[in-house]
């Protein structure tokens, strides 16, 4: 898989304590834009992100990646909290919802912290 193309799916924690879910080609740049209020998202202009709470690399075309994002967005707060504490469970949740496997790789805590520090 190294060298293969992927899109990021992420959960950010915002200043109001709520989660914001999105997808991006370049997560570091997207996080920086959200924090500066220049991402195009009205929500994160009002409630700036504090950190990337969880993130995944999805090695799929844009359509399936949008399904992964939609799956997370449709979850309850408690389900999202579970994903943040156990990010490896996303693949199972998406497979249960859509009945098919997705090529999802959980990003490491080191990688996530690097992104959080870069913005």
Protein backbone atom coordinates (compact mmCIF):
# COMPACT_ATOMS: atom_id res chain seq x y z
CA UNK A 1 0.00 0.00 0.00
CA UNK A 2 2.85 2.51 0.41
CA UNK A 3 2.69 4.91 -2.51
CA UNK A 4 -0.99 4.17 -3.13
CA UNK A 5 -3.39 7.08 -3.21
CA UNK A 6 -5.75 7.67 -0.32
CA UNK A 7 -8.03 10.28 1.18
CA UNK A 8 -8.17 11.20 4.85
CA UNK A 9 -11.32 10.95 6.94
CA UNK A 10 -11.05 12.74 10.25
CA UNK A 11 -12.84 13.75 13.43
CA UNK A 12 -11.83 17.08 14.95
CA UNK A 13 -12.75 18.26 18.42
CA UNK A 14 -13.88 21.89 18.39
CA UNK A 15 -13.77 24.67 20.98
CA UNK A 16 -17.36 23.95 22.02
CA UNK A 17 -16.47 20.30 22.77
CA UNK A 18 -18.39 18.95 19.77
CA UNK A 19 -16.96 16.83 16.98
CA UNK A 20 -16.64 17.82 13.33
CA UNK A 21 -16.13 15.11 10.70
CA UNK A 22 -14.67 15.64 7.25
CA UNK A 23 -12.44 14.31 4.51
CA UNK A 24 -9.37 15.75 2.80
CA UNK A 25 -6.53 15.08 0.40
CA UNK A 26 -4.02 16.83 2.67
CA UNK A 27 -5.04 16.61 6.32
CA UNK A 28 -2.36 18.96 7.65
CA UNK A 29 -3.40 21.70 5.25
CA UNK A 30 -7.12 21.09 5.84
CA UNK A 31 -6.65 21.25 9.62
CA UNK A 32 -4.70 24.51 9.27
CA UNK A 33 -7.47 26.02 7.13
CA UNK A 34 -10.13 24.94 9.64
CA UNK A 35 -8.15 26.47 12.50
CA UNK A 36 -7.77 29.74 10.59
CA UNK A 37 -11.48 29.82 9.72
CA UNK A 38 -10.75 29.58 5.99
CA UNK A 39 -11.89 26.02 5.26
CA UNK A 40 -15.29 26.82 3.74
CA UNK A 41 -17.04 25.22 6.72
CA UNK A 42 -19.39 27.59 8.53
CA UNK A 43 -19.33 25.33 11.56
CA UNK A 44 -15.56 25.49 12.09
CA UNK A 45 -15.56 29.24 11.44
CA UNK A 46 -17.80 29.54 14.51
CA UNK A 47 -16.25 26.76 16.59
CA UNK A 48 -12.59 26.40 15.70
CA UNK A 49 -11.02 22.96 15.97
CA UNK A 50 -8.79 22.25 18.92
CA UNK A 51 -7.26 19.02 17.65
CA UNK A 52 -7.60 16.03 15.37
CA UNK A 53 -9.28 13.49 17.67
CA UNK A 54 -9.05 10.58 15.20
CA UNK A 55 -8.13 10.07 11.56
CA UNK A 56 -7.98 7.35 8.96
CA UNK A 57 -6.44 6.83 5.54
CA UNK A 58 -9.03 5.40 3.17
CA UNK A 59 -7.53 3.77 0.08
CA UNK A 60 -10.64 4.07 -2.08
CA UNK A 61 -12.08 6.34 -4.74
CA UNK A 62 -13.86 9.51 -3.59
CA UNK A 63 -17.37 7.95 -3.61
CA UNK A 64 -16.62 5.20 -1.09
CA UNK A 65 -14.64 7.66 1.05
CA UNK A 66 -17.72 9.88 1.18
CA UNK A 67 -19.66 6.86 2.47
CA UNK A 68 -17.12 6.41 5.28
CA UNK A 69 -17.48 10.10 6.16
CA UNK A 70 -21.30 9.84 6.05
CA UNK A 71 -21.22 6.77 8.28
CA UNK A 72 -19.34 8.72 10.96
CA UNK A 73 -21.54 11.80 10.57
CA UNK A 74 -24.62 9.65 11.14
CA UNK A 75 -23.31 8.26 14.43
CA UNK A 76 -24.39 9.40 17.86
CA UNK A 77 -22.05 11.39 20.06
CA UNK A 78 -21.30 8.29 22.16
CA UNK A 79 -20.49 6.24 19.04
CA UNK A 80 -18.10 8.98 17.87
CA UNK A 81 -16.48 9.04 21.31
CA UNK A 82 -15.98 5.27 20.98
CA UNK A 83 -14.31 5.80 17.59
CA UNK A 84 -11.99 8.36 19.12
CA UNK A 85 -10.93 5.98 21.89
CA UNK A 86 -10.94 2.89 19.62
CA UNK A 87 -10.35 4.16 16.07
CA UNK A 88 -9.69 0.64 14.79
CA UNK A 89 -13.43 -0.10 15.04
CA UNK A 90 -14.36 2.20 12.12
CA UNK A 91 -13.84 -0.49 9.48
CA UNK A 92 -16.31 -2.81 11.24
CA UNK A 93 -18.91 -0.02 11.60
CA UNK A 94 -18.66 0.92 7.93
CA UNK A 95 -18.82 -2.72 6.81
CA UNK A 96 -21.92 -3.31 8.96
CA UNK A 97 -23.63 -0.26 7.49
CA UNK A 98 -22.77 -0.82 3.83
CA UNK A 99 -22.23 -4.59 3.73
CA UNK A 100 -18.92 -4.38 1.98
CA UNK A 101 -15.31 -3.99 3.00
CA UNK A 102 -13.43 -0.73 2.72
CA UNK A 103 -9.67 -0.32 2.72
CA UNK A 104 -9.37 1.78 5.91
CA UNK A 105 -6.11 2.26 7.80
CA UNK A 106 -6.17 3.88 11.23
CA UNK A 107 -3.53 6.56 11.56
CA UNK A 108 -1.10 6.17 14.42
CA UNK A 109 -1.20 8.42 17.46
CA UNK A 110 2.28 9.68 16.47
CA UNK A 111 1.04 10.63 13.01
CA UNK A 112 -2.06 12.32 14.46
CA UNK A 113 0.00 14.28 16.98
CA UNK A 114 2.33 15.41 14.19
CA UNK A 115 -0.65 16.81 12.30
CA UNK A 116 -1.99 18.50 15.44
CA UNK A 117 1.37 20.19 16.02
CA UNK A 118 1.84 21.25 12.39
CA UNK A 119 -1.20 23.53 12.26
